[in-house]
Amino acid sequence: MLQRPNRRPQFFYTTAPLPCPYVAGRTERKIVTELTGPDAEVLHDRLSRAGFRRSHNIAYSPVCPGCSACIPIRIRVNAFEPNRAQRKLAKLNADVHSFEMPARATAEQFALFQRYQRARHGDGDMAAMGFYDYRAMVEDTPITTGVVEFRSADDKLLGACLTDWLGDGLSAVYSFFVPEDTRRSLGSWAILWLVERARALGLPYVYLGYWVPESRKMAYKARFRPSEVLMGGAWRELADGDPALEAAAIIPATVG
């Protein structure tokens, strides 16, 4: 009699309520699970398609009572065409060189990370991170992860994007950049780079995490079209006239 090999059950947990980092006055709760063992990569792929994100060796998704403001969003790579502003951005950053690096934290990256946090998110928890916290964010990964560095012609580090490689796309985990150089819009440039890299690799999607129409810091993600949002358990195209998109239009969005 054949017996199936024992498989470790996958446990999911709900976090305690905390203040929402995106919408003032609301409470955040997450469902989380550990990514570990030989099946971590496959599990992470499945959970990403279900709207989960990764932090260290944990996959999480918001399950906030009475709130659905965080909407998973991904760019359809093959159909993506940059708009006028994005084409202008590509020309402006033609002198920026990209390097795909392993998931290893460096002192140079951390110095820029600190600079960015203090300038853009000085009141957030990440502004208090030390080097070992940053190193854990970069290196504690059970899946295929890398850091894309963006450098000037004279080798100055302008920005970096912690990126997960998935079976069906690239996932932008976290990006940071020179905060003073707003002209280059390096945060948006990093997304455009990921789209072109995914296209070159034959991958259909770039995952951008959660689009939060009510948050200035997160509303910008809807600018990259065509994109799909996960609503009601299914991915669908974010179309003009979408009520969520109209809600975002009244909020001045900010991104580097």
C-alpha atoms as a PDB file:
ATOM      1  CA  MET A   1       0.000   0.000   0.000  1.00  0.00           C
ATOM      2  CA  LEU A   2       1.403   3.338  -1.066  1.00  0.00           C
ATOM      3  CA  GLN A   3       1.522   6.050   1.541  1.00  0.00           C
ATOM      4  CA  ARG A   4       1.625   9.743   0.881  1.00  0.00           C
ATOM      5  CA  PRO A   5       4.637  11.496   2.376  1.00  0.00           C
ATOM      6  CA  ASN A   6       3.811  13.528   5.413  1.00  0.00           C
ATOM      7  CA  ARG A   7       3.533  17.224   4.659  1.00  0.00           C
ATOM      8  CA  ARG A   8       3.902  19.853   7.312  1.00  0.00           C
ATOM      9  CA  PRO A   9       0.604  21.741   7.701  1.00  0.00           C
ATOM     10  CA  GLN A  10       0.717  25.437   6.811  1.00  0.00           C
ATOM     11  CA  PHE A  11      -0.453  27.515   9.750  1.00  0.00           C
ATOM     12  CA  PHE A  12      -1.907  30.998   9.390  1.00  0.00           C
ATOM     13  CA  TYR A  13      -2.194  33.484  12.243  1.00  0.00           C
ATOM     14  CA  THR A  14      -3.915  36.818  12.758  1.00  0.00           C
ATOM     15  CA  THR A  15      -1.938  39.707  14.228  1.00  0.00           C
ATOM     16  CA  ALA A  16      -3.108  41.966  17.018  1.00  0.00           C
ATOM     17  CA  PRO A  17      -4.747  45.257  15.996  1.00  0.00           C
ATOM     18  CA  LEU A  18      -2.387  48.194  15.346  1.00  0.00           C
ATOM     19  CA  PRO A  19      -2.888  51.725  14.023  1.00  0.00           C
ATOM     20  CA  CYS A  20      -3.121  51.726  10.230  1.00  0.00           C
ATOM     21  CA  PRO A  21       0.021  53.178   8.589  1.00  0.00           C
ATOM     22  CA  TYR A  22      -1.910  54.343   5.513  1.00  0.00           C
ATOM     23  CA  VAL A  23      -5.271  55.766   6.575  1.00  0.00           C
ATOM     24  CA  ALA A  24      -5.488  57.819   9.751  1.00  0.00           C
ATOM     25  CA  GLY A  25      -7.932  56.656  12.404  1.00  0.00           C
ATOM     26  CA  ARG A  26      -8.203  53.085  11.156  1.00  0.00           C
ATOM     27  CA  THR A  27      -6.938  49.823  12.607  1.00  0.00           C
ATOM     28  CA  GLU A  28      -4.702  47.334  10.832  1.00  0.00           C
ATOM     29  CA  ARG A  29      -4.761  43.564  11.210  1.00  0.00           C
ATOM     30  CA  LYS A  30      -2.938  40.990   9.101  1.00  0.00           C
ATOM     31  CA  ILE A  31      -3.090  37.302   8.411  1.00  0.00           C
ATOM     32  CA  VAL A  32       0.443  35.910   8.349  1.00  0.00           C
ATOM     33  CA  THR A  33       2.205  32.648   7.635  1.00  0.00           C
ATOM     34  CA  GLU A  34       5.815  31.494   7.624  1.00  0.00           C
ATOM     35  CA  LEU A  35       7.697  30.812   4.396  1.00  0.00           C
ATOM     36  CA  THR A  36      10.133  28.024   5.136  1.00  0.00           C
ATOM     37  CA  GLY A  37      11.415  24.708   3.854  1.00  0.00           C
ATOM     38  CA  PRO A  38      11.797  23.366   0.318  1.00  0.00           C
ATOM     39  CA  ASP A  39       8.294  24.472  -0.697  1.00  0.00           C
ATOM     40  CA  ALA A  40       8.769  28.138   0.307  1.00  0.00           C
ATOM     41  CA  GLU A  41       9.187  29.329  -3.290  1.00  0.00           C
ATOM     42  CA  VAL A  42       6.083  27.536  -4.558  1.00  0.00           C
ATOM     43  CA  LEU A  43       4.006  28.678  -1.579  1.00  0.00           C
ATOM     44  CA  HIS A  44       5.154  32.270  -2.016  1.00  0.00           C
ATOM     45  CA  ASP A  45       4.139  32.190  -5.691  1.00  0.00           C
ATOM     46  CA  ARG A  46       0.677  30.912  -4.797  1.00  0.00           C
ATOM     47  CA  LEU A  47       0.207  33.431  -2.010  1.00  0.00           C
ATOM     48  CA  SER A  48       1.402  36.305  -4.211  1.00  0.00           C
ATOM     49  CA  ARG A  49      -1.294  35.443  -6.732  1.00  0.00           C
ATOM     50  CA  ALA A  50      -3.760  35.527  -3.824  1.00  0.00           C
ATOM     51  CA  GLY A  51      -2.714  39.049  -2.825  1.00  0.00           C
ATOM     52  CA  PHE A  52      -0.127  38.315  -0.133  1.00  0.00           C
ATOM     53  CA  ARG A  53       3.146  40.220   0.285  1.00  0.00           C
ATOM     54  CA  ARG A  54       6.472  39.148   1.782  1.00  0.00           C
ATOM     55  CA  SER A  55       8.477  40.617   4.660  1.00  0.00           C
ATOM     56  CA  HIS A  56      11.523  38.610   5.757  1.00  0.00           C
ATOM     57  CA  ASN A  57      10.307  34.987   5.890  1.00  0.00           C
ATOM     58  CA  ILE A  58       6.693  35.958   6.494  1.00  0.00           C
ATOM     59  CA  ALA A  59       3.878  36.275   3.955  1.00  0.00           C
ATOM     60  CA  TYR A  60       1.027  38.555   4.988  1.00  0.00           C
ATOM     61  CA  SER A  61      -2.248  40.013   3.802  1.00  0.00           C
ATOM     62  CA  PRO A  62      -4.490  42.644   5.435  1.00  0.00           C
ATOM     63  CA  VAL A  63      -7.696  41.412   7.101  1.00  0.00           C
ATOM     64  CA  CYS A  64      -8.786  44.679   8.659  1.00  0.00           C
ATOM     65  CA  PRO A  65     -12.305  44.696  10.146  1.00  0.00           C
ATOM     66  CA  GLY A  66     -14.705  46.818   8.128  1.00  0.00           C
ATOM     67  CA  CYS A  67     -12.024  48.045   5.724  1.00  0.00           C
ATOM     68  CA  SER A  68     -10.841  46.981   2.267  1.00  0.00           C
ATOM     69  CA  ALA A  69      -8.721  50.026   1.408  1.00  0.00           C
ATOM     70  CA  CYS A  70      -5.594  47.964   0.560  1.00  0.00           C
ATOM     71  CA  ILE A  71      -6.052  46.545  -2.946  1.00  0.00           C
ATOM     72  CA  PRO A  72      -3.435  44.194  -4.459  1.00  0.00           C
ATOM     73  CA  ILE A  73      -2.280  45.549  -7.816  1.00  0.00           C
ATOM     74  CA  ARG A  74      -0.035  44.234 -10.599  1.00  0.00           C
ATOM     75  CA  ILE A  75       1.035  45.589 -13.993  1.00  0.00           C
ATOM     76  CA  ARG A  76       0.319  43.590 -17.142  1.00  0.00           C
ATOM     77  CA  VAL A  77       3.778  43.650 -18.664  1.00  0.00           C
ATOM     78  CA  ASN A  78       3.112  42.673 -22.301  1.00  0.00           C
ATOM     79  CA  ALA A  79       0.318  45.237 -22.674  1.00  0.00           C
ATOM     80  CA  PHE A  80       2.063  48.042 -20.772  1.00  0.00           C
ATOM     81  CA  GLU A  81       2.848  51.197 -22.707  1.00  0.00           C
ATOM     82  CA  PRO A  82       4.324  54.190 -20.869  1.00  0.00           C
ATOM     83  CA  ASN A  83       2.284  57.362 -20.907  1.00  0.00           C
ATOM     84  CA  ARG A  84       3.721  60.711 -21.929  1.00  0.00           C
ATOM     85  CA  ALA A  85       5.103  61.519 -18.468  1.00  0.00           C
ATOM     86  CA  GLN A  86       6.678  58.072 -18.169  1.00  0.00           C
ATOM     87  CA  ARG A  87       8.325  58.350 -21.604  1.00  0.00           C
ATOM     88  CA  LYS A  88       9.761  61.691 -20.541  1.00  0.00           C
ATOM     89  CA  LEU A  89      11.045  60.044 -17.379  1.00  0.00           C
ATOM     90  CA  ALA A  90      12.818  57.366 -19.404  1.00  0.00           C
ATOM     91  CA  LYS A  91      14.682  60.016 -21.376  1.00  0.00           C
ATOM     92  CA  LEU A  92      15.564  61.928 -18.218  1.00  0.00           C
ATOM     93  CA  ASN A  93      17.083  58.804 -16.635  1.00  0.00           C
ATOM     94  CA  ALA A  94      18.867  57.537 -19.737  1.00  0.00           C
ATOM     95  CA  ASP A  95      22.159  58.101 -17.911  1.00  0.00           C
ATOM     96  CA  VAL A  96      21.174  55.872 -14.976  1.00  0.00           C
ATOM     97  CA  HIS A  97      22.808  52.429 -14.938  1.00  0.00           C
ATOM     98  CA  SER A  98      21.158  49.413 -13.294  1.00  0.00           C
ATOM     99  CA  PHE A  99      22.863  46.490 -11.601  1.00  0.00           C
ATOM    100  CA  GLU A 100      21.178  43.302 -10.369  1.00  0.00           C
ATOM    101  CA  MET A 101      22.881  42.491  -7.095  1.00  0.00           C
ATOM    102  CA  PRO A 102      22.430  39.557  -4.673  1.00  0.00           C
ATOM    103  CA  ALA A 103      20.356  40.049  -1.538  1.00  0.00           C
ATOM    104  CA  ARG A 104      23.275  41.335   0.520  1.00  0.00           C
ATOM    105  CA  ALA A 105      23.059  44.546   2.528  1.00  0.00           C
ATOM    106  CA  THR A 106      25.859  47.078   2.158  1.00  0.00           C
ATOM    107  CA  ALA A 107      26.854  50.118   4.185  1.00  0.00           C
ATOM    108  CA  GLU A 108      26.361  52.275   1.087  1.00  0.00           C
ATOM    109  CA  GLN A 109      22.795  51.062   0.637  1.00  0.00           C
ATOM    110  CA  PHE A 110      22.003  51.571   4.296  1.00  0.00           C
ATOM    111  CA  ALA A 111      23.323  55.148   4.281  1.00  0.00           C
ATOM    112  CA  LEU A 112      20.968  55.973   1.412  1.00  0.00           C
ATOM    113  CA  PHE A 113      18.123  54.062   3.059  1.00  0.00           C
ATOM    114  CA  GLN A 114      18.520  56.153   6.229  1.00  0.00           C
ATOM    115  CA  ARG A 115      18.673  59.368   4.243  1.00  0.00           C
ATOM    116  CA  TYR A 116      15.504  58.442   2.395  1.00  0.00           C
ATOM    117  CA  GLN A 117      13.615  57.428   5.534  1.00  0.00           C
ATOM    118  CA  ARG A 118      14.481  60.619   7.389  1.00  0.00           C
ATOM    119  CA  ALA A 119      13.440  62.794   4.462  1.00  0.00           C
ATOM    120  CA  ARG A 120      10.271  60.956   3.379  1.00  0.00           C
ATOM    121  CA  HIS A 121       9.063  58.885   6.336  1.00  0.00           C
ATOM    122  CA  GLY A 122      10.617  60.498   9.398  1.00  0.00           C
ATOM    123  CA  ASP A 123       7.607  59.657  11.589  1.00  0.00           C
ATOM    124  CA  GLY A 124       7.513  55.982  10.545  1.00  0.00           C
ATOM    125  CA  ASP A 125       8.940  52.908  12.244  1.00  0.00           C
ATOM    126  CA  MET A 126      11.471  52.296   9.483  1.00  0.00           C
ATOM    127  CA  ALA A 127      13.208  55.608  10.203  1.00  0.00           C
ATOM    128  CA  ALA A 128      14.492  54.057  13.446  1.00  0.00           C
ATOM    129  CA  MET A 129      15.988  50.975  11.783  1.00  0.00           C
ATOM    130  CA  GLY A 130      19.676  50.282  12.384  1.00  0.00           C
ATOM    131  CA  PHE A 131      22.019  48.495  10.001  1.00  0.00           C
ATOM    132  CA  TYR A 132      21.223  45.043  11.393  1.00  0.00           C
ATOM    133  CA  ASP A 133      17.496  45.700  10.925  1.00  0.00           C
ATOM    134  CA  TYR A 134      18.153  46.746   7.342  1.00  0.00           C
ATOM    135  CA  ARG A 135      20.328  43.703   6.751  1.00  0.00           C
ATOM    136  CA  ALA A 136      17.560  41.436   8.038  1.00  0.00           C
ATOM    137  CA  MET A 137      15.050  43.112   5.703  1.00  0.00           C
ATOM    138  CA  VAL A 138      17.312  42.417   2.727  1.00  0.00           C
ATOM    139  CA  GLU A 139      18.891  39.078   3.585  1.00  0.00           C
ATOM    140  CA  ASP A 140      16.233  37.185   5.574  1.00  0.00           C
ATOM    141  CA  THR A 141      14.518  35.683   2.550  1.00  0.00           C
ATOM    142  CA  PRO A 142      13.675  32.041   1.828  1.00  0.00           C
ATOM    143  CA  ILE A 143      13.040  32.736  -1.877  1.00  0.00           C
ATOM    144  CA  THR A 144      14.850  34.185  -4.891  1.00  0.00           C
ATOM    145  CA  THR A 145      15.480  37.828  -4.024  1.00  0.00           C
ATOM    146  CA  GLY A 146      17.874  40.502  -5.204  1.00  0.00           C
ATOM    147  CA  VAL A 147      18.627  44.206  -4.909  1.00  0.00           C
ATOM    148  CA  VAL A 148      18.529  46.270  -8.081  1.00  0.00           C
ATOM    149  CA  GLU A 149      20.891  49.217  -7.678  1.00  0.00           C
ATOM    150  CA  PHE A 150      20.562  52.354  -9.778  1.00  0.00           C
ATOM    151  CA  ARG A 151      23.761  54.348 -10.232  1.00  0.00           C
ATOM    152  CA  SER A 152      24.858  57.528 -11.940  1.00  0.00           C
ATOM    153  CA  ALA A 153      27.561  57.650 -14.596  1.00  0.00           C
ATOM    154  CA  ASP A 154      30.141  58.386 -11.872  1.00  0.00           C
ATOM    155  CA  ASP A 155      28.976  55.311  -9.872  1.00  0.00           C
ATOM    156  CA  LYS A 156      26.992  57.219  -7.240  1.00  0.00           C
ATOM    157  CA  LEU A 157      24.190  55.131  -5.722  1.00  0.00           C
ATOM    158  CA  LEU A 158      20.942  56.896  -6.660  1.00  0.00           C
ATOM    159  CA  GLY A 159      18.441  54.266  -5.579  1.00  0.00           C
ATOM    160  CA  ALA A 160      17.754  50.602  -4.899  1.00  0.00           C
ATOM    161  CA  CYS A 161      14.819  48.238  -5.181  1.00  0.00           C
ATOM    162  CA  LEU A 162      14.534  45.050  -3.139  1.00  0.00           C
ATOM    163  CA  THR A 163      12.917  42.645  -5.593  1.00  0.00           C
ATOM    164  CA  ASP A 164      11.470  39.134  -5.431  1.00  0.00           C
ATOM    165  CA  TRP A 165      11.610  36.878  -8.498  1.00  0.00           C
ATOM    166  CA  LEU A 166       8.336  34.953  -8.875  1.00  0.00           C
ATOM    167  CA  GLY A 167       7.239  32.270 -11.262  1.00  0.00           C
ATOM    168  CA  ASP A 168       4.957  34.734 -13.068  1.00  0.00           C
ATOM    169  CA  GLY A 169       6.640  38.066 -12.473  1.00  0.00           C
ATOM    170  CA  LEU A 170       8.782  40.427 -10.446  1.00  0.00           C
ATOM    171  CA  SER A 171       7.621  41.794  -7.116  1.00  0.00           C
ATOM    172  CA  ALA A 172       8.772  45.196  -5.889  1.00  0.00           C
ATOM    173  CA  VAL A 173       9.264  44.609  -2.163  1.00  0.00           C
ATOM    174  CA  TYR A 174      10.726  47.987  -1.189  1.00  0.00           C
ATOM    175  CA  SER A 175      12.519  50.809  -2.967  1.00  0.00           C
ATOM    176  CA  PHE A 176      14.392  53.880  -1.766  1.00  0.00           C
ATOM    177  CA  PHE A 177      16.343  56.584  -3.504  1.00  0.00           C
ATOM    178  CA  VAL A 178      18.074  59.937  -3.253  1.00  0.00           C
ATOM    179  CA  PRO A 179      15.268  62.014  -1.699  1.00  0.00           C
ATOM    180  CA  GLU A 180      16.520  65.393  -2.867  1.00  0.00           C
ATOM    181  CA  ASP A 181      16.502  64.542  -6.583  1.00  0.00           C
ATOM    182  CA  THR A 182      12.766  64.826  -7.169  1.00  0.00           C
ATOM    183  CA  ARG A 183      13.287  65.691 -10.838  1.00  0.00           C
ATOM    184  CA  ARG A 184      14.243  62.099 -11.687  1.00  0.00           C
ATOM    185  CA  SER A 185      11.218  60.501  -9.941  1.00  0.00           C
ATOM    186  CA  LEU A 186      13.393  57.514  -9.118  1.00  0.00           C
ATOM    187  CA  GLY A 187      10.608  55.569  -7.409  1.00  0.00           C
ATOM    188  CA  SER A 188       8.566  55.578 -10.602  1.00  0.00           C
ATOM    189  CA  TRP A 189      11.703  54.920 -12.637  1.00  0.00           C
ATOM    190  CA  ALA A 190      12.372  51.761 -10.619  1.00  0.00           C
ATOM    191  CA  ILE A 191       8.907  50.462 -11.531  1.00  0.00           C
ATOM    192  CA  LEU A 192       9.458  51.207 -15.222  1.00  0.00           C
ATOM    193  CA  TRP A 193      12.772  49.340 -15.027  1.00  0.00           C
ATOM    194  CA  LEU A 194      11.071  46.311 -13.451  1.00  0.00           C
ATOM    195  CA  VAL A 195       8.473  46.284 -16.238  1.00  0.00           C
ATOM    196  CA  GLU A 196      11.153  46.220 -18.918  1.00  0.00           C
ATOM    197  CA  ARG A 197      13.162  43.591 -17.054  1.00  0.00           C
ATOM    198  CA  ALA A 198      10.086  41.376 -16.662  1.00  0.00           C
ATOM    199  CA  ARG A 199       9.361  41.817 -20.366  1.00  0.00           C
ATOM    200  CA  ALA A 200      12.899  40.711 -21.223  1.00  0.00           C
ATOM    201  CA  LEU A 201      12.518  37.649 -18.980  1.00  0.00           C
ATOM    202  CA  GLY A 202       9.141  36.733 -20.494  1.00  0.00           C
ATOM    203  CA  LEU A 203       7.311  37.272 -17.201  1.00  0.00           C
ATOM    204  CA  PRO A 204       3.727  38.544 -17.441  1.00  0.00           C
ATOM    205  CA  TYR A 205       3.426  40.698 -14.295  1.00  0.00           C
ATOM    206  CA  VAL A 206       5.101  43.200 -12.027  1.00  0.00           C
ATOM    207  CA  TYR A 207       3.539  43.085  -8.561  1.00  0.00           C
ATOM    208  CA  LEU A 208       3.410  46.447  -6.797  1.00  0.00           C
ATOM    209  CA  GLY A 209       1.907  45.379  -3.500  1.00  0.00           C
ATOM    210  CA  TYR A 210      -1.087  47.276  -2.186  1.00  0.00           C
ATOM    211  CA  TRP A 211      -2.715  50.176  -3.912  1.00  0.00           C
ATOM    212  CA  VAL A 212      -4.437  52.364  -1.325  1.00  0.00           C
ATOM    213  CA  PRO A 213      -6.566  54.989  -3.115  1.00  0.00           C
ATOM    214  CA  GLU A 214      -7.136  56.885   0.136  1.00  0.00           C
ATOM    215  CA  SER A 215      -3.406  57.249   0.853  1.00  0.00           C
ATOM    216  CA  ARG A 216      -1.244  59.885  -0.837  1.00  0.00           C
ATOM    217  CA  LYS A 217       1.817  57.665  -0.462  1.00  0.00           C
ATOM    218  CA  MET A 218       0.210  54.658  -2.160  1.00  0.00           C
ATOM    219  CA  ALA A 219      -2.228  56.108  -4.723  1.00  0.00           C
ATOM    220  CA  TYR A 220       0.474  56.546  -7.391  1.00  0.00           C
ATOM    221  CA  LYS A 221       0.466  52.824  -8.225  1.00  0.00           C
ATOM    222  CA  ALA A 222      -2.630  53.239 -10.395  1.00  0.00           C
ATOM    223  CA  ARG A 223      -0.638  55.359 -12.866  1.00  0.00           C
ATOM    224  CA  PHE A 224       0.938  52.280 -14.454  1.00  0.00           C
ATOM    225  CA  ARG A 225      -1.584  50.953 -16.941  1.00  0.00           C
ATOM    226  CA  PRO A 226      -2.906  48.530 -17.889  1.00  0.00           C
ATOM    227  CA  SER A 227      -2.908  47.048 -14.428  1.00  0.00           C
ATOM    228  CA  GLU A 228      -5.002  44.499 -12.623  1.00  0.00           C
ATOM    229  CA  VAL A 229      -6.463  44.639  -9.130  1.00  0.00           C
ATOM    230  CA  LEU A 230      -7.524  41.738  -6.937  1.00  0.00           C
ATOM    231  CA  MET A 231     -11.101  42.314  -5.811  1.00  0.00           C
ATOM    232  CA  GLY A 232     -13.698  39.774  -4.764  1.00  0.00           C
ATOM    233  CA  GLY A 233     -11.161  36.976  -5.062  1.00  0.00           C
ATOM    234  CA  ALA A 234     -10.396  37.590  -8.760  1.00  0.00           C
ATOM    235  CA  TRP A 235      -7.912  39.706 -10.702  1.00  0.00           C
ATOM    236  CA  ARG A 236      -9.572  42.186 -13.045  1.00  0.00           C
ATOM    237  CA  GLU A 237      -8.357  45.094 -15.121  1.00  0.00           C
ATOM    238  CA  LEU A 238      -8.390  48.485 -13.453  1.00  0.00           C
ATOM    239  CA  ALA A 239     -10.472  50.449 -15.943  1.00  0.00           C
ATOM    240  CA  ASP A 240     -11.177  54.144 -16.369  1.00  0.00           C
ATOM    241  CA  GLY A 241     -14.305  55.053 -14.455  1.00  0.00           C
ATOM    242  CA  ASP A 242     -13.601  52.478 -11.747  1.00  0.00           C
ATOM    243  CA  PRO A 243     -15.035  53.887  -8.472  1.00  0.00           C
ATOM    244  CA  ALA A 244     -11.777  53.140  -6.662  1.00  0.00           C
ATOM    245  CA  LEU A 245      -9.819  54.972  -9.363  1.00  0.00           C
ATOM    246  CA  GLU A 246     -12.117  57.970  -9.143  1.00  0.00           C
ATOM    247  CA  ALA A 247     -11.561  58.055  -5.370  1.00  0.00           C
ATOM    248  CA  ALA A 248      -7.811  58.128  -5.941  1.00  0.00           C
ATOM    249  CA  ALA A 249      -8.076  60.968  -8.441  1.00  0.00           C
ATOM    250  CA  ILE A 250      -9.166  63.441  -5.764  1.00  0.00           C
ATOM    251  CA  ILE A 251      -6.069  62.756  -3.643  1.00  0.00           C
ATOM    252  CA  PRO A 252      -2.786  64.416  -4.644  1.00  0.00           C
ATOM    253  CA  ALA A 253      -0.469  61.435  -5.058  1.00  0.00           C
ATOM    254  CA  THR A 254       3.211  61.658  -4.193  1.00  0.00           C
ATOM    255  CA  VAL A 255       6.036  59.386  -5.213  1.00  0.00           C
ATOM    256  CA  GLY A 256       9.716  59.847  -5.942  1.00  0.00           C
END
